[in-house]
Amino acid sequence: MTSITLQVDLAERSYPIIIGAGFLKDEALLQQYIGSGQLMVVTNETIAPLYLDSLLTKIPNADTIILPDGEQFKQLATVERVFEALLNQRHNRTTTLLALGGGVVGDMTGFAAACYQRGVKFIQMPTTLLAQVDSSVGGKTGVNHALGKNMIGAFHQPTAVLIDTDTLSSLPIREYQAGLAEVIKYGLICDADFFIWLEQNMPALIVRDQAALQYAIARSCENKAKVVAADEREGGFRAILNLGHTFGHAIETATEYKAWLHGEAVGFGMIMALDLSTRLGLINASVLERTIALIGAAGLPVSAPANLPTSDAILGLMGMDKKVLDGHLRLVLLRAIGDAFVSNDFDADLLKQTLQHYL
């Protein structure tokens, strides 16, 4: 397959998204974006044995740091280890950080880059489907806090996103399916034709057909790039990218990130968001039914994890979401497939009905 290049248009902060196969072995491409200056590769204990040595043969002068793997390590203490490595190796403000891994590695690396010497360059090389279609694009970086997900962070755009689809071959099936939740999200929020394509091509995506996979990644990135270009710092419109996330983040926090992967929580959160949209009379029941069927076809859960706290407790955790403004909970809702919007004008009793029904 030939590679696909997209552009995130943000004036002087614009950057390319390049999607193809074999980038870890493409020395010319790596040097084009890394250059000859200092470089710190940030990865984790799962990815390092798979891809780090191959990468270092093309960039042998890079320093490295290997972090523990897991959402539970997405915290300030872990980022402190990156700062320590940078300082020990005497990296200056012209250095570049390269994030080799999934969304957790990418978010922490970007946050470290935003903070180190008040901001240095970084490159995203995502190795999970979820990171390739969502978290690596858009410049959102940060860490979790015990009281809420992604509550500490910064907007800091990468200089390039290099997506090597070969890395998906080693991704466990559960993590791969979790990434499909974010793919489905783009069809729901802004691309009805893509949603229909997903309904028709989910079997091909499940078996990781390369042509279908490259198309789905490119279409997802194209949609995200358009949203980010229109609202870089989530002043309003960009918040549609959080469809299902307020529900999902609350479940993740309540279960201490142990019950579900992020994409699984988002997929189930989208079901609850569409259920509320149905109760509000915004969409008809068939839209919810089609979405549940597609999420189920992607191998994602369509019922709640065990041992959740009460629906009132989940509602309390939703109140810690970043989209809360002046004490008002805002949710991403749907008017139709491909037409999402953000609102705090909804019947609180209907929200409670949705929570009680699913939780």
Protein backbone atom coordinates (compact mmCIF):
# COMPACT_ATOMS: atom_id res chain seq x y z
CA MET A 1 0.00 0.00 0.00
CA THR A 2 1.09 3.55 -0.63
CA SER A 3 1.13 5.94 2.30
CA ILE A 4 -1.52 8.60 2.88
CA THR A 5 -0.60 12.09 4.05
CA LEU A 6 -3.11 14.39 5.75
CA GLN A 7 -2.59 17.84 7.22
CA VAL A 8 -3.79 19.36 10.48
CA ASP A 9 -4.21 23.03 9.54
CA LEU A 10 -3.26 25.21 12.50
CA ALA A 11 -1.29 28.04 10.87
CA GLU A 12 2.29 27.96 12.20
CA ARG A 13 1.47 24.87 14.30
CA SER A 14 0.26 22.82 11.31
CA TYR A 15 1.67 19.31 10.94
CA PRO A 16 1.32 16.18 8.83
CA ILE A 17 -0.31 12.87 9.63
CA ILE A 18 1.37 10.16 7.57
CA ILE A 19 -0.31 6.74 7.41
CA GLY A 20 1.43 3.72 5.92
CA ALA A 21 3.39 0.57 6.64
CA GLY A 22 7.02 0.06 7.63
CA PHE A 23 7.77 3.51 9.08
CA LEU A 24 9.85 2.02 11.88
CA LYS A 25 12.30 0.87 9.20
CA ASP A 26 12.14 4.00 7.03
CA GLU A 27 15.29 5.88 7.97
CA ALA A 28 14.71 8.69 5.46
CA LEU A 29 11.24 9.41 6.80
CA LEU A 30 12.41 9.34 10.41
CA GLN A 31 15.31 11.67 9.73
CA GLN A 32 13.04 14.04 7.83
CA TYR A 33 11.03 14.75 10.97
CA ILE A 34 13.53 14.02 13.73
CA GLY A 35 16.55 15.79 12.30
CA SER A 36 20.03 15.56 13.77
CA GLY A 37 19.49 17.13 17.20
CA GLN A 38 18.91 15.53 20.58
CA LEU A 39 16.15 12.93 20.75
CA MET A 40 14.48 11.09 23.62
CA VAL A 41 12.33 8.09 22.74
CA VAL A 42 9.61 7.50 25.35
CA THR A 43 7.99 4.07 25.29
CA ASN A 44 6.71 1.43 27.72
CA GLU A 45 7.54 -2.08 28.91
CA THR A 46 5.13 -3.70 26.43
CA ILE A 47 6.18 -1.83 23.29
CA ALA A 48 9.93 -1.66 23.93
CA PRO A 49 10.64 -5.39 23.33
CA LEU A 50 8.60 -5.29 20.13
CA TYR A 51 9.77 -2.17 18.33
CA LEU A 52 12.42 -0.17 20.19
CA ASP A 53 15.50 -2.00 18.86
CA SER A 54 14.22 -1.73 15.30
CA LEU A 55 13.68 2.00 15.70
CA LEU A 56 17.07 2.57 17.29
CA THR A 57 18.89 0.97 14.36
CA LYS A 58 17.62 3.93 12.30
CA ILE A 59 18.23 6.58 14.99
CA PRO A 60 21.18 5.14 16.98
CA ASN A 61 22.03 8.35 18.84
CA ALA A 62 18.68 8.59 20.61
CA ASP A 63 18.28 8.37 24.36
CA THR A 64 15.44 6.23 25.69
CA ILE A 65 13.20 5.84 28.69
CA ILE A 66 10.92 2.85 29.23
CA LEU A 67 7.84 3.49 31.39
CA PRO A 68 5.49 1.01 33.07
CA ASP A 69 2.47 0.08 30.97
CA GLY A 70 -1.12 0.81 31.96
CA GLU A 71 -3.66 3.57 32.50
CA GLN A 72 -2.97 3.41 36.24
CA PHE A 73 0.52 4.80 35.57
CA LYS A 74 -0.78 7.84 33.69
CA GLN A 75 0.09 10.19 36.52
CA LEU A 76 2.44 13.00 37.45
CA ALA A 77 4.88 10.65 39.16
CA THR A 78 5.48 8.83 35.86
CA VAL A 79 6.00 12.06 33.92
CA GLU A 80 8.54 13.04 36.58
CA ARG A 81 10.60 10.06 35.43
CA VAL A 82 10.68 11.51 31.91
CA PHE A 83 11.90 14.87 33.24
CA GLU A 84 14.58 13.11 35.26
CA ALA A 85 15.80 11.21 32.19
CA LEU A 86 15.92 14.40 30.13
CA LEU A 87 17.88 16.23 32.81
CA ASN A 88 20.28 13.34 33.43
CA GLN A 89 21.08 13.19 29.72
CA ARG A 90 21.41 17.00 29.57
CA HIS A 91 18.72 17.58 26.98
CA ASN A 92 18.25 21.23 26.09
CA ARG A 93 15.31 23.17 24.71
CA THR A 94 16.07 22.13 21.12
CA THR A 95 15.47 18.46 21.92
CA THR A 96 12.67 16.35 20.46
CA LEU A 97 10.64 13.73 22.32
CA LEU A 98 9.28 10.79 20.33
CA ALA A 99 6.27 8.94 21.77
CA LEU A 100 6.40 5.27 20.75
CA GLY A 101 3.32 3.55 22.13
CA GLY A 102 -0.38 3.90 22.76
CA GLY A 103 -2.46 6.77 24.04
CA VAL A 104 -1.04 6.73 27.56
CA VAL A 105 2.55 7.03 26.29
CA GLY A 106 1.51 9.70 23.80
CA ASP A 107 -0.40 11.78 26.34
CA MET A 108 2.41 11.68 28.91
CA THR A 109 5.15 12.33 26.36
CA GLY A 110 3.25 15.30 24.97
CA PHE A 111 2.68 16.68 28.46
CA ALA A 112 6.38 16.26 29.28
CA ALA A 113 7.25 18.05 26.03
CA ALA A 114 4.85 20.88 26.85
CA CYS A 115 6.48 21.38 30.26
CA TYR A 116 10.18 20.64 29.76
CA GLN A 117 12.07 23.92 29.55
CA ARG A 118 8.66 25.52 28.87
CA GLY A 119 8.06 23.55 25.72
CA VAL A 120 10.00 21.35 23.31
CA LYS A 121 9.06 19.50 20.12
CA PHE A 122 7.57 16.03 20.08
CA ILE A 123 6.55 13.45 17.52
CA GLN A 124 3.76 10.92 17.84
CA MET A 125 4.40 7.36 16.63
CA PRO A 126 1.24 5.61 17.88
CA THR A 127 1.19 1.81 18.03
CA THR A 128 -2.45 1.16 19.02
CA LEU A 129 -5.54 1.70 16.90
CA LEU A 130 -7.08 3.99 19.51
CA ALA A 131 -4.01 6.21 19.54
CA GLN A 132 -3.70 6.18 15.76
CA VAL A 133 -7.25 7.39 15.14
CA ASP A 134 -7.71 9.66 18.12
CA SER A 135 -5.28 10.58 20.90
CA SER A 136 -2.18 11.11 18.74
CA VAL A 137 -3.92 13.88 16.75
CA GLY A 138 -4.98 17.21 18.17
CA GLY A 139 -2.45 18.18 20.81
CA LYS A 140 -4.32 17.16 23.95
CA THR A 141 -1.76 15.97 26.49
CA GLY A 142 -1.91 15.20 30.18
CA VAL A 143 -2.33 12.79 33.05
CA ASN A 144 -5.05 11.51 35.33
CA HIS A 145 -5.79 12.42 38.93
CA ALA A 146 -7.43 10.13 41.46
CA LEU A 147 -10.51 12.38 41.33
CA GLY A 148 -10.81 12.56 37.54
CA LYS A 149 -9.41 11.47 34.20
CA ASN A 150 -7.15 13.82 32.20
CA MET A 151 -7.67 16.66 34.65
CA ILE A 152 -4.03 17.82 34.52
CA GLY A 153 -2.52 18.65 31.14
CA ALA A 154 -1.82 21.10 28.34
CA PHE A 155 -2.55 21.69 24.67
CA HIS A 156 0.73 21.01 22.84
CA GLN A 157 0.68 20.03 19.17
CA PRO A 158 3.15 17.45 17.80
CA THR A 159 5.40 18.27 14.85
CA ALA A 160 4.27 15.11 13.05
CA VAL A 161 2.15 12.00 13.54
CA LEU A 162 3.71 8.91 11.94
CA ILE A 163 1.25 6.01 11.84
CA ASP A 164 2.82 2.65 11.03
CA THR A 165 -0.04 0.22 10.47
CA ASP A 166 2.37 -2.72 10.80
CA THR A 167 2.40 -2.15 14.57
CA LEU A 168 -1.24 -3.21 14.77
CA SER A 169 -0.30 -6.79 13.93
CA SER A 170 1.00 -7.30 17.48
CA LEU A 171 -1.93 -5.55 19.19
CA PRO A 172 -4.04 -7.91 21.34
CA ILE A 173 -7.56 -8.35 19.99
CA ARG A 174 -9.20 -6.68 22.98
CA GLU A 175 -7.09 -3.53 22.61
CA TYR A 176 -7.67 -3.51 18.87
CA GLN A 177 -11.43 -3.72 19.36
CA ALA A 178 -11.26 -0.94 21.95
CA GLY A 179 -9.78 1.31 19.27
CA LEU A 180 -12.75 0.62 17.00
CA ALA A 181 -14.95 2.54 19.45
CA GLU A 182 -13.20 5.77 18.52
CA VAL A 183 -13.52 4.90 14.83
CA ILE A 184 -17.29 4.44 15.24
CA LYS A 185 -17.42 7.76 17.10
CA TYR A 186 -16.41 9.73 13.99
CA GLY A 187 -19.29 8.28 12.01
CA LEU A 188 -21.73 9.23 14.75
CA ILE A 189 -20.53 12.78 15.38
CA CYS A 190 -19.81 14.14 11.89
CA ASP A 191 -19.68 11.56 9.09
CA ALA A 192 -22.89 9.64 8.38
CA ASP A 193 -21.49 8.08 5.19
CA PHE A 194 -18.56 6.69 7.19
CA PHE A 195 -21.00 5.20 9.73
CA ILE A 196 -22.74 3.35 6.90
CA TRP A 197 -19.35 2.21 5.55
CA LEU A 198 -18.50 0.86 9.00
CA GLU A 199 -21.77 -1.08 9.17
CA GLN A 200 -20.86 -2.69 5.85
CA ASN A 201 -17.15 -3.24 6.52
CA MET A 202 -16.88 -4.10 10.21
CA PRO A 203 -16.20 -7.80 9.39
CA ALA A 204 -13.17 -6.74 7.32
CA LEU A 205 -11.94 -4.46 10.10
CA ILE A 206 -12.30 -7.21 12.70
CA VAL A 207 -9.89 -9.44 10.74
CA ARG A 208 -7.57 -6.43 10.19
CA ASP A 209 -7.90 -6.34 6.43
CA GLN A 210 -5.13 -3.89 5.50
CA ALA A 211 -7.03 -1.92 2.87
CA ALA A 212 -10.08 -1.48 5.10
CA LEU A 213 -7.90 -0.63 8.07
CA GLN A 214 -5.89 2.04 6.26
CA TYR A 215 -9.10 3.60 4.94
CA ALA A 216 -10.72 3.63 8.40
CA ILE A 217 -7.64 5.19 10.02
CA ALA A 218 -7.33 7.85 7.32
CA ARG A 219 -11.04 8.71 7.39
CA SER A 220 -10.96 8.96 11.19
CA CYS A 221 -7.85 11.17 11.19
CA GLU A 222 -9.32 13.35 8.44
CA ASN A 223 -12.44 13.93 10.52
CA LYS A 224 -10.48 14.70 13.66
CA ALA A 225 -8.13 17.04 11.81
CA LYS A 226 -11.10 19.07 10.54
CA VAL A 227 -12.60 19.37 14.02
CA VAL A 228 -9.27 20.33 15.60
CA ALA A 229 -8.57 22.92 12.90
CA ALA A 230 -11.95 24.51 13.60
CA ASP A 231 -11.50 24.59 17.40
CA GLU A 232 -7.98 23.80 18.56
CA ARG A 233 -8.48 24.40 22.30
CA GLU A 234 -12.00 23.05 22.68
CA GLY A 235 -13.75 26.37 23.06
CA GLY A 236 -16.95 24.78 21.83
CA PHE A 237 -17.22 22.70 18.65
CA ARG A 238 -14.28 20.38 19.40
CA ALA A 239 -16.12 19.01 22.41
CA ILE A 240 -18.19 16.82 20.05
CA LEU A 241 -15.12 14.56 19.97
CA ASN A 242 -16.06 13.58 23.52
CA LEU A 243 -19.23 11.72 22.56
CA GLY A 244 -19.67 9.04 25.24
CA HIS A 245 -16.57 10.14 27.11
CA THR A 246 -18.29 11.81 30.08
CA PHE A 247 -20.17 8.58 30.80
CA GLY A 248 -17.13 6.43 30.01
CA HIS A 249 -14.67 8.44 32.11
CA ALA A 250 -16.99 8.18 35.12
CA ILE A 251 -17.06 4.39 34.76
CA GLU A 252 -13.27 4.27 34.39
CA THR A 253 -12.81 6.39 37.52
CA ALA A 254 -15.36 4.38 39.51
CA THR A 255 -13.60 1.11 38.64
CA GLU A 256 -10.09 2.57 39.10
CA TYR A 257 -9.34 1.83 35.43
CA LYS A 258 -9.37 -1.92 36.16
CA ALA A 259 -12.64 -3.12 34.63
CA TRP A 260 -12.49 -1.77 31.09
CA LEU A 261 -10.08 -0.36 28.57
CA HIS A 262 -10.67 3.27 27.62
CA GLY A 263 -12.23 2.40 24.27
CA GLU A 264 -14.59 -0.10 25.89
CA ALA A 265 -15.78 2.58 28.31
CA VAL A 266 -16.21 5.09 25.48
CA GLY A 267 -18.20 2.61 23.39
CA PHE A 268 -20.59 1.94 26.25
CA GLY A 269 -20.69 5.67 27.02
CA MET A 270 -21.82 6.36 23.45
CA ILE A 271 -24.70 3.94 23.91
CA MET A 272 -25.79 5.87 27.01
CA ALA A 273 -25.41 9.22 25.22
CA LEU A 274 -27.61 7.99 22.38
CA ASP A 275 -30.10 6.51 24.84
CA LEU A 276 -30.44 9.93 26.44
CA SER A 277 -30.75 11.53 23.00
CA THR A 278 -33.59 9.10 22.30
CA ARG A 279 -35.35 9.88 25.58
CA LEU A 280 -35.04 13.60 24.77
CA GLY A 281 -36.76 13.03 21.42
CA LEU A 282 -33.70 14.09 19.41
CA ILE A 283 -33.27 10.80 17.52
CA ASN A 284 -35.51 7.81 16.96
CA ALA A 285 -34.90 4.43 18.54
CA SER A 286 -33.56 2.93 15.31
CA VAL A 287 -30.42 5.10 15.54
CA LEU A 288 -29.72 3.73 19.02
CA GLU A 289 -30.41 0.18 17.84
CA ARG A 290 -28.04 0.51 14.86
CA THR A 291 -25.33 1.92 17.10
CA ILE A 292 -25.67 -0.87 19.67
CA ALA A 293 -25.50 -3.40 16.83
CA LEU A 294 -22.34 -1.80 15.38
CA ILE A 295 -20.62 -1.52 18.76
CA GLY A 296 -21.48 -5.16 19.46
CA ALA A 297 -20.19 -6.19 16.01
CA ALA A 298 -16.90 -4.51 16.91
CA GLY A 299 -16.62 -6.88 19.89
CA LEU A 300 -17.22 -4.14 22.46
CA PRO A 301 -19.36 -4.48 25.60
CA VAL A 302 -22.97 -3.35 25.41
CA SER A 303 -23.79 -3.88 29.09
CA ALA A 304 -22.23 -2.43 32.22
CA PRO A 305 -19.27 -3.95 34.07
CA ALA A 306 -19.93 -5.70 37.36
CA ASN A 307 -19.75 -4.09 40.79
CA LEU A 308 -20.35 -0.50 39.76
CA PRO A 309 -21.45 1.97 42.43
CA THR A 310 -24.96 3.42 42.27
CA SER A 311 -26.13 5.53 39.37
CA ASP A 312 -26.11 8.54 41.72
CA ALA A 313 -22.42 7.92 42.43
CA ILE A 314 -21.70 7.73 38.69
CA LEU A 315 -23.60 11.00 38.21
CA GLY A 316 -21.39 12.57 40.87
CA LEU A 317 -18.27 11.44 39.01
CA MET A 318 -19.67 12.85 35.77
CA GLY A 319 -19.80 16.19 37.58
CA MET A 320 -15.98 16.11 37.74
CA ASP A 321 -15.74 16.11 33.93
CA LYS A 322 -13.71 18.83 32.20
CA LYS A 323 -16.76 19.88 30.19
CA VAL A 324 -18.57 21.05 33.33
CA LEU A 325 -18.90 24.86 33.15
CA ASP A 326 -20.11 27.01 36.05
CA GLY A 327 -21.50 23.96 37.77
CA HIS A 328 -23.49 22.79 34.73
CA LEU A 329 -22.88 19.35 33.27
CA ARG A 330 -22.52 19.44 29.47
CA LEU A 331 -23.02 16.33 27.38
CA VAL A 332 -22.46 15.47 23.73
CA LEU A 333 -25.80 14.45 22.23
CA LEU A 334 -27.02 13.47 18.77
CA ARG A 335 -29.64 15.00 16.46
CA ALA A 336 -28.93 12.38 13.79
CA ILE A 337 -26.10 10.11 12.72
CA GLY A 338 -23.35 12.54 11.75
CA ASP A 339 -24.84 15.47 13.66
CA ALA A 340 -23.57 15.83 17.23
CA PHE A 341 -23.76 18.86 19.50
CA VAL A 342 -22.90 19.86 23.06
CA SER A 343 -25.62 20.91 25.48
CA ASN A 344 -26.34 21.53 29.13
CA ASP A 345 -30.03 22.00 28.33
CA PHE A 346 -31.48 18.56 29.04
CA ASP A 347 -33.92 17.04 31.50
CA ALA A 348 -31.91 15.83 34.51
CA ASP A 349 -34.57 13.24 35.29
CA LEU A 350 -34.14 11.68 31.85
CA LEU A 351 -30.38 11.51 32.41
CA LYS A 352 -31.04 9.66 35.68
CA GLN A 353 -33.35 7.29 33.81
CA THR A 354 -30.56 6.50 31.33
CA LEU A 355 -28.09 5.86 34.14
CA GLN A 356 -30.51 3.67 36.06
CA HIS A 357 -31.41 1.71 32.92
CA TYR A 358 -27.80 0.86 32.02
CA LEU A 359 -26.07 0.84 35.40
